[in-house]
């Protein structure tokens, strides 16, 4: 996964901890990575660090960015806030609609396996293509008034967590966290003020997020 070990930040005692985990493994995630093997092949330390990096980004940053972007969307849409509070049994649908609207996950890059043509475009083996999740979630052929938040719309074709083999492996955890966070936020604070005159987006092509978001919370 990783060419040079210096690509990943290290803690001085990481090697000692890993040696200890190999001697006395437990059932936690890092021990299982250290013990994982296929025949005589096992993960190198660089590969383990790479997996940990991806897990941190995919398991923390994505949910954090979604919380921030969805908060901004809810602050700007009183009807959406009211619906979420008034319909606690539909929180899962609300979370998916917010994910469709805010488009934290924008694209999935893929490498073409074989030459083919689609809609007049010739794609060659080895080409890199970007599957635009954000565009699919705003497709007016699928979603009526896609530029609006509509908590009542069907969410069966929302692509916020991807689809098929690459459907987000931790989507249930993310939905649980978001479903706990937003009702609590809206029940405890009103109004919520966004203090930034302009939103400062981070420079990422595949995930939308803000560098910072300054808010003022007023307890109800």
C-alpha atoms as a PDB file:
ATOM      1  CA  UNK A   1       0.000   0.000   0.000  1.00  0.00           C
ATOM      2  CA  UNK A   2       2.797   2.416   0.850  1.00  0.00           C
ATOM      3  CA  UNK A   3       6.162   2.782  -0.829  1.00  0.00           C
ATOM      4  CA  UNK A   4       8.287   4.587   1.744  1.00  0.00           C
ATOM      5  CA  UNK A   5       7.892   4.371   5.488  1.00  0.00           C
ATOM      6  CA  UNK A   6       8.547   8.091   5.939  1.00  0.00           C
ATOM      7  CA  UNK A   7       5.248   8.799   4.212  1.00  0.00           C
ATOM      8  CA  UNK A   8       3.400   8.010   7.426  1.00  0.00           C
ATOM      9  CA  UNK A   9       3.848   9.784  10.754  1.00  0.00           C
ATOM     10  CA  UNK A  10       5.160   7.520  13.518  1.00  0.00           C
ATOM     11  CA  UNK A  11       5.160   7.493  17.262  1.00  0.00           C
ATOM     12  CA  UNK A  12       8.506   6.650  18.828  1.00  0.00           C
ATOM     13  CA  UNK A  13       7.146   3.693  20.748  1.00  0.00           C
ATOM     14  CA  UNK A  14       4.990   2.247  17.935  1.00  0.00           C
ATOM     15  CA  UNK A  15       7.404  -0.587  17.153  1.00  0.00           C
ATOM     16  CA  UNK A  16       7.570  -1.576  20.840  1.00  0.00           C
ATOM     17  CA  UNK A  17       3.792  -1.577  21.148  1.00  0.00           C
ATOM     18  CA  UNK A  18       3.425  -3.628  17.986  1.00  0.00           C
ATOM     19  CA  UNK A  19       5.951  -6.186  19.234  1.00  0.00           C
ATOM     20  CA  UNK A  20       4.008  -6.425  22.476  1.00  0.00           C
ATOM     21  CA  UNK A  21       0.746  -6.909  20.596  1.00  0.00           C
ATOM     22  CA  UNK A  22       2.285  -9.683  18.519  1.00  0.00           C
ATOM     23  CA  UNK A  23       3.437 -11.471  21.681  1.00  0.00           C
ATOM     24  CA  UNK A  24       0.116 -10.988  23.476  1.00  0.00           C
ATOM     25  CA  UNK A  25      -2.580 -10.333  20.853  1.00  0.00           C
ATOM     26  CA  UNK A  26      -6.130  -9.411  21.757  1.00  0.00           C
ATOM     27  CA  UNK A  27      -9.276  -9.181  19.650  1.00  0.00           C
ATOM     28  CA  UNK A  28      -8.978  -5.456  18.971  1.00  0.00           C
ATOM     29  CA  UNK A  29      -8.437  -3.998  15.531  1.00  0.00           C
ATOM     30  CA  UNK A  30      -4.676  -3.364  15.635  1.00  0.00           C
ATOM     31  CA  UNK A  31      -3.857  -6.828  16.959  1.00  0.00           C
ATOM     32  CA  UNK A  32      -5.876  -8.399  14.171  1.00  0.00           C
ATOM     33  CA  UNK A  33      -4.015  -6.323  11.567  1.00  0.00           C
ATOM     34  CA  UNK A  34      -0.690  -7.420  13.016  1.00  0.00           C
ATOM     35  CA  UNK A  35      -1.725 -11.070  12.877  1.00  0.00           C
ATOM     36  CA  UNK A  36      -3.440 -10.958   9.476  1.00  0.00           C
ATOM     37  CA  UNK A  37      -1.768 -13.130   6.872  1.00  0.00           C
ATOM     38  CA  UNK A  38      -2.416 -15.037   3.670  1.00  0.00           C
ATOM     39  CA  UNK A  39      -0.101 -18.011   3.522  1.00  0.00           C
ATOM     40  CA  UNK A  40       3.383 -16.711   4.237  1.00  0.00           C
ATOM     41  CA  UNK A  41       2.418 -13.139   3.389  1.00  0.00           C
ATOM     42  CA  UNK A  42       1.453 -10.648   6.070  1.00  0.00           C
ATOM     43  CA  UNK A  43       1.007  -6.898   6.278  1.00  0.00           C
ATOM     44  CA  UNK A  44       4.148  -4.816   6.605  1.00  0.00           C
ATOM     45  CA  UNK A  45       4.306  -2.046   9.189  1.00  0.00           C
ATOM     46  CA  UNK A  46       3.901   0.512   6.406  1.00  0.00           C
ATOM     47  CA  UNK A  47       0.784  -1.263   5.164  1.00  0.00           C
ATOM     48  CA  UNK A  48      -0.646  -1.399   8.680  1.00  0.00           C
ATOM     49  CA  UNK A  49      -0.019   2.329   9.103  1.00  0.00           C
ATOM     50  CA  UNK A  50      -1.681   2.900   5.731  1.00  0.00           C
ATOM     51  CA  UNK A  51      -4.777   0.978   6.793  1.00  0.00           C
ATOM     52  CA  UNK A  52      -4.913   2.932  10.056  1.00  0.00           C
ATOM     53  CA  UNK A  53      -4.645   6.188   8.124  1.00  0.00           C
ATOM     54  CA  UNK A  54      -7.513   5.215   5.810  1.00  0.00           C
ATOM     55  CA  UNK A  55      -9.644   4.093   8.763  1.00  0.00           C
ATOM     56  CA  UNK A  56      -9.039   7.422  10.500  1.00  0.00           C
ATOM     57  CA  UNK A  57      -9.981   9.426   7.419  1.00  0.00           C
ATOM     58  CA  UNK A  58     -12.936   7.242   6.419  1.00  0.00           C
ATOM     59  CA  UNK A  59     -14.195   6.613   9.935  1.00  0.00           C
ATOM     60  CA  UNK A  60     -13.710  10.019  11.538  1.00  0.00           C
ATOM     61  CA  UNK A  61     -13.269  12.822   9.019  1.00  0.00           C
ATOM     62  CA  UNK A  62     -16.244  11.796   6.878  1.00  0.00           C
ATOM     63  CA  UNK A  63     -18.680  11.793   9.793  1.00  0.00           C
ATOM     64  CA  UNK A  64     -17.195  14.997  11.213  1.00  0.00           C
ATOM     65  CA  UNK A  65     -17.519  16.773   7.852  1.00  0.00           C
ATOM     66  CA  UNK A  66     -21.067  15.497   7.457  1.00  0.00           C
ATOM     67  CA  UNK A  67     -22.023  16.838  10.887  1.00  0.00           C
ATOM     68  CA  UNK A  68     -20.614  20.254  10.036  1.00  0.00           C
ATOM     69  CA  UNK A  69     -22.145  20.544   6.548  1.00  0.00           C
ATOM     70  CA  UNK A  70     -25.512  19.232   7.713  1.00  0.00           C
ATOM     71  CA  UNK A  71     -25.509  21.697  10.612  1.00  0.00           C
ATOM     72  CA  UNK A  72     -25.051  24.560   8.165  1.00  0.00           C
ATOM     73  CA  UNK A  73     -27.869  23.189   5.993  1.00  0.00           C
ATOM     74  CA  UNK A  74     -30.242  22.888   8.940  1.00  0.00           C
ATOM     75  CA  UNK A  75     -29.433  26.363  10.249  1.00  0.00           C
ATOM     76  CA  UNK A  76     -30.399  27.722   6.831  1.00  0.00           C
ATOM     77  CA  UNK A  77     -33.633  25.732   6.527  1.00  0.00           C
ATOM     78  CA  UNK A  78     -36.205  26.229   9.283  1.00  0.00           C
ATOM     79  CA  UNK A  79     -38.676  23.773   7.719  1.00  0.00           C
ATOM     80  CA  UNK A  80     -36.070  21.013   7.674  1.00  0.00           C
ATOM     81  CA  UNK A  81     -35.213  21.680  11.333  1.00  0.00           C
ATOM     82  CA  UNK A  82     -38.860  21.555  12.321  1.00  0.00           C
ATOM     83  CA  UNK A  83     -39.506  18.349  10.396  1.00  0.00           C
ATOM     84  CA  UNK A  84     -36.527  16.587  11.956  1.00  0.00           C
ATOM     85  CA  UNK A  85     -37.688  17.514  15.455  1.00  0.00           C
ATOM     86  CA  UNK A  86     -41.338  16.685  14.835  1.00  0.00           C
ATOM     87  CA  UNK A  87     -40.693  13.285  13.226  1.00  0.00           C
ATOM     88  CA  UNK A  88     -38.207  11.386  15.427  1.00  0.00           C
ATOM     89  CA  UNK A  89     -39.262   8.056  13.890  1.00  0.00           C
ATOM     90  CA  UNK A  90     -38.054   9.264  10.488  1.00  0.00           C
ATOM     91  CA  UNK A  91     -34.581  10.358  11.572  1.00  0.00           C
ATOM     92  CA  UNK A  92     -32.880   7.808   9.277  1.00  0.00           C
ATOM     93  CA  UNK A  93     -34.642   9.254   6.226  1.00  0.00           C
ATOM     94  CA  UNK A  94     -33.760  12.775   7.373  1.00  0.00           C
ATOM     95  CA  UNK A  95     -30.082  11.833   7.678  1.00  0.00           C
ATOM     96  CA  UNK A  96     -30.051  10.371   4.172  1.00  0.00           C
ATOM     97  CA  UNK A  97     -31.785  13.418   2.677  1.00  0.00           C
ATOM     98  CA  UNK A  98     -29.301  15.734   4.367  1.00  0.00           C
ATOM     99  CA  UNK A  99     -26.462  13.572   3.033  1.00  0.00           C
ATOM    100  CA  UNK A 100     -27.892  13.807  -0.468  1.00  0.00           C
ATOM    101  CA  UNK A 101     -28.244  17.570  -0.224  1.00  0.00           C
ATOM    102  CA  UNK A 102     -24.923  18.519   1.389  1.00  0.00           C
ATOM    103  CA  UNK A 103     -22.821  16.070  -0.690  1.00  0.00           C
ATOM    104  CA  UNK A 104     -19.939  15.481   1.699  1.00  0.00           C
ATOM    105  CA  UNK A 105     -18.781  12.607  -0.509  1.00  0.00           C
ATOM    106  CA  UNK A 106     -18.468  14.026  -4.012  1.00  0.00           C
ATOM    107  CA  UNK A 107     -16.789  11.398  -6.174  1.00  0.00           C
ATOM    108  CA  UNK A 108     -15.363   7.896  -6.407  1.00  0.00           C
ATOM    109  CA  UNK A 109     -12.271   7.554  -8.637  1.00  0.00           C
ATOM    110  CA  UNK A 110     -12.046   4.277 -10.552  1.00  0.00           C
ATOM    111  CA  UNK A 111      -9.571   2.732 -13.017  1.00  0.00           C
ATOM    112  CA  UNK A 112     -11.099   1.378 -16.233  1.00  0.00           C
ATOM    113  CA  UNK A 113     -10.546  -2.390 -16.468  1.00  0.00           C
ATOM    114  CA  UNK A 114     -11.394  -2.822 -20.163  1.00  0.00           C
ATOM    115  CA  UNK A 115     -12.003  -0.555 -23.155  1.00  0.00           C
ATOM    116  CA  UNK A 116     -15.636   0.448 -23.604  1.00  0.00           C
ATOM    117  CA  UNK A 117     -17.871   3.245 -24.852  1.00  0.00           C
ATOM    118  CA  UNK A 118     -20.621   4.955 -22.862  1.00  0.00           C
ATOM    119  CA  UNK A 119     -22.816   7.788 -24.091  1.00  0.00           C
ATOM    120  CA  UNK A 120     -20.406   8.459 -26.928  1.00  0.00           C
ATOM    121  CA  UNK A 121     -17.345   8.623 -24.671  1.00  0.00           C
ATOM    122  CA  UNK A 122     -14.521   6.169 -25.394  1.00  0.00           C
ATOM    123  CA  UNK A 123     -12.899   4.885 -22.230  1.00  0.00           C
ATOM    124  CA  UNK A 124      -9.636   2.953 -22.412  1.00  0.00           C
ATOM    125  CA  UNK A 125      -8.179   0.375 -20.089  1.00  0.00           C
ATOM    126  CA  UNK A 126      -6.133   2.178 -17.442  1.00  0.00           C
ATOM    127  CA  UNK A 127      -8.030   5.467 -17.713  1.00  0.00           C
ATOM    128  CA  UNK A 128      -8.999   7.076 -14.410  1.00  0.00           C
ATOM    129  CA  UNK A 129     -12.633   8.095 -14.205  1.00  0.00           C
ATOM    130  CA  UNK A 130     -14.405  10.009 -11.466  1.00  0.00           C
ATOM    131  CA  UNK A 131     -17.899   8.770 -10.646  1.00  0.00           C
ATOM    132  CA  UNK A 132     -19.664  11.897  -9.436  1.00  0.00           C
ATOM    133  CA  UNK A 133     -21.785  10.933  -6.442  1.00  0.00           C
ATOM    134  CA  UNK A 134     -22.706  14.558  -5.827  1.00  0.00           C
ATOM    135  CA  UNK A 135     -24.019  14.872  -9.386  1.00  0.00           C
ATOM    136  CA  UNK A 136     -26.060  11.676  -9.077  1.00  0.00           C
ATOM    137  CA  UNK A 137     -27.626  12.985  -5.868  1.00  0.00           C
ATOM    138  CA  UNK A 138     -28.760  16.154  -7.676  1.00  0.00           C
ATOM    139  CA  UNK A 139     -30.055  14.391 -10.803  1.00  0.00           C
ATOM    140  CA  UNK A 140     -33.483  15.949 -11.552  1.00  0.00           C
ATOM    141  CA  UNK A 141     -34.526  12.755 -13.374  1.00  0.00           C
ATOM    142  CA  UNK A 142     -34.342  10.948 -10.038  1.00  0.00           C
ATOM    143  CA  UNK A 143     -35.004  13.635  -7.419  1.00  0.00           C
ATOM    144  CA  UNK A 144     -37.681  16.279  -7.812  1.00  0.00           C
ATOM    145  CA  UNK A 145     -36.471  19.793  -6.913  1.00  0.00           C
ATOM    146  CA  UNK A 146     -33.000  18.414  -6.091  1.00  0.00           C
ATOM    147  CA  UNK A 147     -31.692  21.796  -4.901  1.00  0.00           C
ATOM    148  CA  UNK A 148     -34.134  21.745  -1.977  1.00  0.00           C
ATOM    149  CA  UNK A 149     -34.133  19.710   1.234  1.00  0.00           C
ATOM    150  CA  UNK A 150     -37.226  17.511   1.253  1.00  0.00           C
ATOM    151  CA  UNK A 151     -37.330  15.213   4.265  1.00  0.00           C
ATOM    152  CA  UNK A 152     -40.322  13.360   2.838  1.00  0.00           C
ATOM    153  CA  UNK A 153     -38.709  12.251  -0.437  1.00  0.00           C
ATOM    154  CA  UNK A 154     -37.866   8.541  -0.999  1.00  0.00           C
ATOM    155  CA  UNK A 155     -34.237   7.848  -0.146  1.00  0.00           C
ATOM    156  CA  UNK A 156     -33.800   4.450  -1.856  1.00  0.00           C
ATOM    157  CA  UNK A 157     -31.650   5.960  -4.641  1.00  0.00           C
ATOM    158  CA  UNK A 158     -29.593   8.359  -2.522  1.00  0.00           C
ATOM    159  CA  UNK A 159     -25.889   7.735  -3.157  1.00  0.00           C
ATOM    160  CA  UNK A 160     -24.468   9.414  -0.043  1.00  0.00           C
ATOM    161  CA  UNK A 161     -22.896   6.143   1.135  1.00  0.00           C
ATOM    162  CA  UNK A 162     -22.083   4.774  -2.300  1.00  0.00           C
ATOM    163  CA  UNK A 163     -23.521   1.559  -3.717  1.00  0.00           C
ATOM    164  CA  UNK A 164     -22.701  -2.001  -4.672  1.00  0.00           C
ATOM    165  CA  UNK A 165     -19.362  -3.480  -3.607  1.00  0.00           C
ATOM    166  CA  UNK A 166     -18.174  -0.056  -2.491  1.00  0.00           C
ATOM    167  CA  UNK A 167     -21.140   0.790  -0.281  1.00  0.00           C
ATOM    168  CA  UNK A 168     -19.732   2.366   2.880  1.00  0.00           C
ATOM    169  CA  UNK A 169     -18.784  -0.477   5.229  1.00  0.00           C
ATOM    170  CA  UNK A 170     -19.533   1.633   8.316  1.00  0.00           C
ATOM    171  CA  UNK A 171     -22.719   3.317   7.116  1.00  0.00           C
ATOM    172  CA  UNK A 172     -24.726   1.954  10.045  1.00  0.00           C
ATOM    173  CA  UNK A 173     -22.275   3.444  12.547  1.00  0.00           C
ATOM    174  CA  UNK A 174     -22.281   6.803  10.771  1.00  0.00           C
ATOM    175  CA  UNK A 175     -26.087   6.860  10.644  1.00  0.00           C
ATOM    176  CA  UNK A 176     -26.277   6.014  14.340  1.00  0.00           C
ATOM    177  CA  UNK A 177     -23.890   8.845  15.254  1.00  0.00           C
ATOM    178  CA  UNK A 178     -25.707  11.370  13.082  1.00  0.00           C
ATOM    179  CA  UNK A 179     -29.103  10.203  14.336  1.00  0.00           C
ATOM    180  CA  UNK A 180     -27.985  10.840  17.911  1.00  0.00           C
ATOM    181  CA  UNK A 181     -26.258  14.141  17.206  1.00  0.00           C
ATOM    182  CA  UNK A 182     -28.823  16.180  15.284  1.00  0.00           C
ATOM    183  CA  UNK A 183     -31.932  15.672  17.445  1.00  0.00           C
ATOM    184  CA  UNK A 184     -29.843  16.462  20.534  1.00  0.00           C
ATOM    185  CA  UNK A 185     -28.344  19.552  18.910  1.00  0.00           C
ATOM    186  CA  UNK A 186     -31.696  20.947  17.786  1.00  0.00           C
ATOM    187  CA  UNK A 187     -33.490  20.099  21.023  1.00  0.00           C
ATOM    188  CA  UNK A 188     -30.877  21.801  23.200  1.00  0.00           C
ATOM    189  CA  UNK A 189     -30.070  24.905  21.154  1.00  0.00           C
ATOM    190  CA  UNK A 190     -32.205  27.472  19.351  1.00  0.00           C
ATOM    191  CA  UNK A 191     -31.175  29.542  17.572  1.00  0.00           C
ATOM    192  CA  UNK A 192     -27.846  28.302  16.232  1.00  0.00           C
ATOM    193  CA  UNK A 193     -25.909  31.131  14.603  1.00  0.00           C
ATOM    194  CA  UNK A 194     -23.287  30.656  11.902  1.00  0.00           C
ATOM    195  CA  UNK A 195     -20.723  33.401  12.567  1.00  0.00           C
ATOM    196  CA  UNK A 196     -18.635  32.969   9.409  1.00  0.00           C
ATOM    197  CA  UNK A 197     -19.476  35.361   6.577  1.00  0.00           C
ATOM    198  CA  UNK A 198     -17.950  32.880   4.122  1.00  0.00           C
ATOM    199  CA  UNK A 199     -17.508  29.118   4.465  1.00  0.00           C
ATOM    200  CA  UNK A 200     -13.877  28.027   4.193  1.00  0.00           C
ATOM    201  CA  UNK A 201     -13.888  24.665   2.389  1.00  0.00           C
ATOM    202  CA  UNK A 202     -10.923  22.299   2.639  1.00  0.00           C
ATOM    203  CA  UNK A 203      -9.055  21.568  -0.634  1.00  0.00           C
ATOM    204  CA  UNK A 204     -10.275  18.032  -1.333  1.00  0.00           C
ATOM    205  CA  UNK A 205     -11.778  16.717  -4.544  1.00  0.00           C
ATOM    206  CA  UNK A 206     -13.465  13.643  -3.064  1.00  0.00           C
ATOM    207  CA  UNK A 207     -14.758  14.908   0.286  1.00  0.00           C
ATOM    208  CA  UNK A 208     -16.318  18.246   1.105  1.00  0.00           C
ATOM    209  CA  UNK A 209     -15.548  19.702   4.482  1.00  0.00           C
ATOM    210  CA  UNK A 210     -14.821  22.987   6.192  1.00  0.00           C
ATOM    211  CA  UNK A 211     -11.505  24.054   7.630  1.00  0.00           C
ATOM    212  CA  UNK A 212     -13.383  25.733  10.477  1.00  0.00           C
ATOM    213  CA  UNK A 213     -16.942  26.622  11.397  1.00  0.00           C
ATOM    214  CA  UNK A 214     -17.654  29.238  14.051  1.00  0.00           C
ATOM    215  CA  UNK A 215     -21.088  29.008  15.635  1.00  0.00           C
ATOM    216  CA  UNK A 216     -22.902  30.564  18.576  1.00  0.00           C
ATOM    217  CA  UNK A 217     -25.244  28.216  20.420  1.00  0.00           C
ATOM    218  CA  UNK A 218     -28.189  29.620  22.355  1.00  0.00           C
ATOM    219  CA  UNK A 219     -29.687  27.190  24.904  1.00  0.00           C
ATOM    220  CA  UNK A 220     -33.451  26.836  24.590  1.00  0.00           C
END
